[in-house]
């Protein structure tokens, strides 16, 4: 069962507990000290894949904030499960006496030695997106196994589109003028690639799952009126596990021939999208759009 707070557990006490210790990573606090709107915004700013959310039921403000937050997160593609089911989905076995406040998702980066980048499975795609100026590294390198934030995804797609100018005003309160991703987000809104997680919230630092990235990319192809070769690529095992709003975009990309080399056997739509996987899809697009064989325009009418 949840315990009050991790700081309240001494090492000695922890050693005496013979069951897993489940805490929470998102706490919107009580409606007695904070407005419902602030609680809702606090949840949406801090929620992430694998987090454990504590929702107080001490006031009507709490309940209203919970309902609004849950609706926004469901619309964004989050799935609500029990803690037991969360462990199962993440492939982890809870250990007695261990403290858990989240189960790592897209925000956790598996280390990769950049000196061996040429040995990475997506190396050719990484080179392609770097040479095209679509994706860049930082002082630590390309970091292929790091997740992609929503701000980064829109920036990458904006570059892939040629960085067109946009006159649409950003409707989101958490995207400020002169933020490095402001123009890209405005463009993505104008093109129908994103509508945010609510009318006023974009959540730029939130990490995207694969089903979310596939949906954004399918919408990008539609916005660009991309004409790519159609194939008879079959669905991949795991496609059926995607949220309903993501199934059409995933199927559309399969119809265009995209299957990740890392997920030929099984697709994990709820897992985080890494920079390497994004580079692979973009590399596929750059190659496919230059082929002489062209067919019908990709159309995606549903999604998130």
Protein backbone atom coordinates (compact mmCIF):
# COMPACT_ATOMS: atom_id res chain seq x y z
CA UNK A 1 0.00 0.00 0.00
CA UNK A 2 1.14 3.62 -0.52
CA UNK A 3 2.99 5.19 2.40
CA UNK A 4 2.92 8.92 3.26
CA UNK A 5 6.21 10.10 1.80
CA UNK A 6 9.57 8.63 0.84
CA UNK A 7 11.42 10.93 3.26
CA UNK A 8 9.40 9.42 6.10
CA UNK A 9 10.97 6.00 5.57
CA UNK A 10 14.32 5.43 7.23
CA UNK A 11 16.68 2.79 5.96
CA UNK A 12 16.01 0.70 9.05
CA UNK A 13 12.25 0.86 8.58
CA UNK A 14 12.58 0.13 4.88
CA UNK A 15 14.60 -2.97 5.68
CA UNK A 16 11.80 -4.32 7.87
CA UNK A 17 9.09 -3.98 5.24
CA UNK A 18 8.50 -7.29 3.48
CA UNK A 19 6.32 -5.98 0.64
CA UNK A 20 7.01 -3.54 -2.23
CA UNK A 21 6.67 0.11 -1.15
CA UNK A 22 4.54 2.05 -3.63
CA UNK A 23 4.74 5.85 -3.48
CA UNK A 24 3.60 8.43 -6.00
CA UNK A 25 5.45 10.62 -8.48
CA UNK A 26 2.63 13.07 -9.26
CA UNK A 27 0.78 14.78 -6.40
CA UNK A 28 -1.55 17.68 -7.30
CA UNK A 29 -1.94 18.51 -3.56
CA UNK A 30 -5.23 19.32 -1.84
CA UNK A 31 -8.08 21.52 -2.97
CA UNK A 32 -7.98 23.11 0.46
CA UNK A 33 -4.76 24.94 -0.43
CA UNK A 34 -4.85 25.18 -4.23
CA UNK A 35 -7.44 25.93 -6.91
CA UNK A 36 -8.75 23.18 -9.17
CA UNK A 37 -7.23 24.87 -12.21
CA UNK A 38 -3.77 24.96 -10.65
CA UNK A 39 -4.07 21.33 -9.60
CA UNK A 40 -5.07 20.28 -13.11
CA UNK A 41 -2.20 22.22 -14.69
CA UNK A 42 0.20 20.74 -12.15
CA UNK A 43 -0.83 17.21 -13.08
CA UNK A 44 -0.54 17.85 -16.82
CA UNK A 45 2.88 19.46 -16.44
CA UNK A 46 4.37 16.60 -14.46
CA UNK A 47 2.63 13.50 -15.76
CA UNK A 48 4.81 11.07 -17.70
CA UNK A 49 4.81 7.49 -18.87
CA UNK A 50 5.05 5.11 -15.94
CA UNK A 51 4.18 7.65 -13.26
CA UNK A 52 1.99 6.88 -10.27
CA UNK A 53 -0.58 9.61 -9.63
CA UNK A 54 -2.08 10.38 -6.24
CA UNK A 55 -5.49 12.03 -6.50
CA UNK A 56 -6.96 13.50 -3.31
CA UNK A 57 -10.71 13.33 -2.82
CA UNK A 58 -10.87 15.91 -0.06
CA UNK A 59 -12.88 18.51 -1.96
CA UNK A 60 -14.97 19.17 -5.05
CA UNK A 61 -12.02 21.09 -6.50
CA UNK A 62 -9.91 17.94 -6.29
CA UNK A 63 -12.54 15.85 -7.99
CA UNK A 64 -13.05 18.38 -10.77
CA UNK A 65 -9.29 18.68 -11.33
CA UNK A 66 -9.02 14.89 -11.45
CA UNK A 67 -11.82 14.53 -14.02
CA UNK A 68 -10.41 17.28 -16.27
CA UNK A 69 -6.87 15.89 -16.01
CA UNK A 70 -7.97 12.35 -16.76
CA UNK A 71 -9.94 13.50 -19.82
CA UNK A 72 -6.92 15.44 -21.11
CA UNK A 73 -4.54 12.53 -20.53
CA UNK A 74 -6.87 10.03 -22.19
CA UNK A 75 -7.14 12.34 -25.20
CA UNK A 76 -3.35 12.48 -25.32
CA UNK A 77 -3.13 8.70 -25.39
CA UNK A 78 -2.26 7.83 -21.82
CA UNK A 79 -3.63 4.59 -20.47
CA UNK A 80 -4.74 4.32 -16.83
CA UNK A 81 -3.94 1.03 -15.13
CA UNK A 82 -3.55 -0.34 -11.64
CA UNK A 83 -0.10 -0.36 -10.08
CA UNK A 84 -0.04 -4.15 -10.44
CA UNK A 85 -0.84 -3.88 -14.15
CA UNK A 86 1.78 -1.14 -14.57
CA UNK A 87 4.46 -3.51 -13.30
CA UNK A 88 3.25 -6.20 -15.69
CA UNK A 89 3.25 -3.87 -18.70
CA UNK A 90 6.76 -2.66 -17.87
CA UNK A 91 8.02 -6.21 -17.45
CA UNK A 92 9.17 -5.61 -13.88
CA UNK A 93 8.76 -7.74 -10.78
CA UNK A 94 8.25 -5.63 -7.64
CA UNK A 95 10.67 -6.54 -4.87
CA UNK A 96 9.94 -6.51 -1.15
CA UNK A 97 11.36 -3.51 0.66
CA UNK A 98 12.05 -1.58 -2.54
CA UNK A 99 10.56 1.89 -3.05
CA UNK A 100 8.75 2.56 -6.32
CA UNK A 101 7.36 5.96 -7.27
CA UNK A 102 7.39 5.41 -11.04
CA UNK A 103 8.26 2.75 -13.57
CA UNK A 104 10.67 4.14 -16.08
CA UNK A 105 9.31 5.01 -19.49
CA UNK A 106 10.44 7.33 -22.30
CA UNK A 107 12.21 9.68 -19.91
CA UNK A 108 14.89 7.12 -19.08
CA UNK A 109 17.82 6.93 -21.46
CA UNK A 110 19.78 3.73 -21.99
CA UNK A 111 23.45 4.72 -22.16
CA UNK A 112 25.18 4.36 -25.51
CA UNK A 113 28.90 4.91 -26.05
CA UNK A 114 29.03 7.62 -28.72
CA UNK A 115 32.52 6.49 -29.78
CA UNK A 116 30.80 3.37 -31.13
CA UNK A 117 27.97 5.20 -32.88
CA UNK A 118 28.90 3.53 -36.17
CA UNK A 119 27.83 0.23 -34.60
CA UNK A 120 24.36 1.46 -33.67
CA UNK A 121 21.59 -0.27 -35.60
CA UNK A 122 20.25 3.12 -36.82
CA UNK A 123 23.64 4.59 -37.73
CA UNK A 124 22.88 5.16 -41.43
CA UNK A 125 19.61 6.91 -40.59
CA UNK A 126 21.33 9.01 -37.93
CA UNK A 127 23.88 10.14 -40.51
CA UNK A 128 21.10 10.92 -42.99
CA UNK A 129 19.11 13.13 -40.61
CA UNK A 130 22.23 14.91 -39.41
CA UNK A 131 23.45 15.61 -42.93
CA UNK A 132 19.98 16.88 -43.88
CA UNK A 133 19.96 19.18 -40.85
CA UNK A 134 16.80 17.58 -39.48
CA UNK A 135 18.16 16.27 -36.19
CA UNK A 136 21.18 17.46 -34.27
CA UNK A 137 23.15 16.30 -31.27
CA UNK A 138 24.32 18.20 -28.21
CA UNK A 139 27.59 18.45 -26.31
CA UNK A 140 27.21 14.78 -25.34
CA UNK A 141 26.63 13.57 -28.89
CA UNK A 142 23.56 12.36 -30.79
CA UNK A 143 22.24 10.35 -27.83
CA UNK A 144 20.31 7.80 -29.93
CA UNK A 145 18.59 6.14 -26.99
CA UNK A 146 17.17 9.30 -25.46
CA UNK A 147 13.43 9.92 -25.71
CA UNK A 148 11.79 12.64 -27.80
CA UNK A 149 9.83 15.48 -26.23
CA UNK A 150 6.76 16.98 -27.85
CA UNK A 151 8.68 20.21 -28.49
CA UNK A 152 11.48 18.28 -30.19
CA UNK A 153 9.07 16.31 -32.37
CA UNK A 154 7.38 19.45 -33.69
CA UNK A 155 10.76 21.09 -34.29
CA UNK A 156 12.03 18.08 -36.24
CA UNK A 157 8.87 17.90 -38.37
CA UNK A 158 9.04 21.65 -39.00
CA UNK A 159 12.60 21.27 -40.28
CA UNK A 160 11.57 18.29 -42.38
CA UNK A 161 8.90 20.47 -43.99
CA UNK A 162 11.53 23.10 -44.85
CA UNK A 163 10.79 25.42 -41.90
CA UNK A 164 7.85 27.21 -43.56
CA UNK A 165 6.73 30.49 -42.04
CA UNK A 166 3.52 30.50 -40.06
CA UNK A 167 1.08 33.25 -39.15
CA UNK A 168 -0.95 31.22 -36.68
CA UNK A 169 -0.74 32.38 -33.07
CA UNK A 170 0.14 29.67 -30.58
CA UNK A 171 -2.95 29.03 -28.41
CA UNK A 172 -1.06 27.36 -25.57
CA UNK A 173 -0.18 29.08 -22.32
CA UNK A 174 2.92 26.93 -21.84
CA UNK A 175 4.47 27.94 -25.20
CA UNK A 176 5.87 31.42 -24.81
CA UNK A 177 7.01 33.92 -27.41
CA UNK A 178 10.64 33.31 -28.36
CA UNK A 179 10.70 29.77 -26.96
CA UNK A 180 12.98 27.82 -29.28
CA UNK A 181 10.05 25.60 -30.34
CA UNK A 182 7.40 28.35 -30.62
CA UNK A 183 7.45 28.64 -34.42
CA UNK A 184 7.44 24.88 -34.90
CA UNK A 185 4.47 24.40 -32.58
CA UNK A 186 2.54 27.22 -34.27
CA UNK A 187 3.19 25.62 -37.66
CA UNK A 188 2.15 22.18 -36.38
CA UNK A 189 -1.11 23.62 -35.06
CA UNK A 190 -1.78 25.36 -38.37
CA UNK A 191 -1.16 22.12 -40.28
CA UNK A 192 -3.34 20.04 -37.97
CA UNK A 193 -0.45 17.95 -36.71
CA UNK A 194 -1.15 18.72 -33.07
CA UNK A 195 -3.92 20.31 -31.05
CA UNK A 196 -2.17 20.09 -27.69
CA UNK A 197 -3.28 18.06 -24.72
CA UNK A 198 -5.96 20.67 -24.04
CA UNK A 199 -7.11 23.94 -25.57
CA UNK A 200 -4.51 25.87 -23.56
CA UNK A 201 -1.79 23.31 -22.82
CA UNK A 202 0.78 21.83 -25.19
CA UNK A 203 3.10 20.21 -22.62
CA UNK A 204 6.32 20.80 -24.62
CA UNK A 205 8.60 18.80 -22.33
CA UNK A 206 6.40 15.71 -22.26
CA UNK A 207 8.00 12.64 -23.82
CA UNK A 208 6.14 10.94 -26.67
CA UNK A 209 5.25 7.30 -27.05
CA UNK A 210 5.57 5.44 -30.33
CA UNK A 211 1.86 5.57 -31.07
CA UNK A 212 1.94 9.32 -30.52
CA UNK A 213 4.96 9.81 -32.78
CA UNK A 214 3.44 7.61 -35.49
CA UNK A 215 0.27 9.71 -35.33
CA UNK A 216 2.17 12.99 -35.54
CA UNK A 217 4.22 11.66 -38.46
CA UNK A 218 1.18 10.37 -40.35
CA UNK A 219 -0.46 13.77 -39.96
CA UNK A 220 2.75 15.37 -41.19
CA UNK A 221 2.66 13.22 -44.34
CA UNK A 222 -0.94 14.19 -44.92
CA UNK A 223 -0.18 17.89 -44.42
CA UNK A 224 2.71 17.63 -46.88
CA UNK A 225 0.47 15.76 -49.35
CA UNK A 226 3.23 13.18 -49.48
CA UNK A 227 2.90 10.69 -52.29
CA UNK A 228 4.83 7.60 -51.30
CA UNK A 229 4.91 4.11 -52.79
CA UNK A 230 2.18 1.86 -51.41
CA UNK A 231 3.09 -1.68 -50.41
CA UNK A 232 1.35 -4.73 -49.11
CA UNK A 233 3.11 -4.56 -45.75
CA UNK A 234 1.11 -6.52 -43.22
CA UNK A 235 0.29 -5.29 -39.76
CA UNK A 236 2.92 -6.04 -37.15
CA UNK A 237 2.09 -7.96 -34.00
CA UNK A 238 1.34 -5.38 -31.35
CA UNK A 239 -0.35 -2.91 -33.70
CA UNK A 240 -3.64 -3.99 -32.18
CA UNK A 241 -2.43 -2.81 -28.76
CA UNK A 242 -2.41 0.82 -29.88
CA UNK A 243 -5.05 3.28 -28.73
CA UNK A 244 -8.04 3.51 -31.05
CA UNK A 245 -7.03 7.01 -32.21
CA UNK A 246 -3.58 5.70 -33.22
CA UNK A 247 -4.63 2.63 -35.19
CA UNK A 248 -5.45 4.45 -38.44
CA UNK A 249 -2.15 6.41 -38.51
CA UNK A 250 -0.16 3.26 -37.76
CA UNK A 251 -2.03 1.33 -40.47
CA UNK A 252 -1.42 4.18 -42.93
CA UNK A 253 2.33 4.05 -42.28
CA UNK A 254 2.30 0.27 -42.66
CA UNK A 255 0.51 0.70 -46.00
CA UNK A 256 3.34 2.99 -47.08
CA UNK A 257 5.85 0.31 -46.14
CA UNK A 258 7.23 1.44 -42.82
CA UNK A 259 8.19 -1.15 -40.23
CA UNK A 260 10.97 -0.42 -37.78
CA UNK A 261 13.93 -2.75 -38.06
CA UNK A 262 13.88 -2.99 -34.29
CA UNK A 263 10.26 -4.12 -34.12
CA UNK A 264 9.73 -6.51 -37.00
CA UNK A 265 8.58 -9.19 -34.56
CA UNK A 266 6.46 -7.03 -32.28
CA UNK A 267 5.50 -3.36 -32.07
CA UNK A 268 5.21 -1.71 -28.64
CA UNK A 269 2.96 1.33 -29.20
CA UNK A 270 2.96 2.43 -25.56
CA UNK A 271 6.76 2.49 -25.28
CA UNK A 272 8.74 5.70 -25.60
CA UNK A 273 10.00 6.82 -29.01
CA UNK A 274 13.78 7.20 -29.05
CA UNK A 275 15.85 9.58 -31.16
CA UNK A 276 17.25 6.61 -33.07
CA UNK A 277 13.77 5.36 -33.90
CA UNK A 278 12.70 8.83 -34.99
CA UNK A 279 15.80 9.05 -37.20
CA UNK A 280 14.89 5.70 -38.74
CA UNK A 281 11.39 6.85 -39.69
CA UNK A 282 12.65 10.17 -41.05
CA UNK A 283 15.40 8.38 -42.97
CA UNK A 284 12.78 6.08 -44.46
CA UNK A 285 10.72 9.10 -45.50
CA UNK A 286 13.69 10.90 -47.06
CA UNK A 287 14.49 7.81 -49.09
CA UNK A 288 10.91 6.92 -50.03
CA UNK A 289 9.92 10.36 -51.25
CA UNK A 290 12.78 10.38 -53.74
CA UNK A 291 11.78 7.16 -55.47
CA UNK A 292 10.38 7.26 -58.98
CA UNK A 293 7.51 4.97 -58.06
CA UNK A 294 4.60 7.02 -56.67
CA UNK A 295 1.00 6.30 -55.86
CA UNK A 296 -2.02 7.59 -53.97
CA UNK A 297 -1.85 10.34 -51.41
CA UNK A 298 -1.64 9.29 -47.80
CA UNK A 299 -4.77 10.22 -45.88
CA UNK A 300 -5.30 9.88 -42.16
CA UNK A 301 -8.68 11.02 -40.89
CA UNK A 302 -8.48 9.96 -37.28
CA UNK A 303 -5.97 10.03 -34.51
CA UNK A 304 -4.93 11.99 -31.48
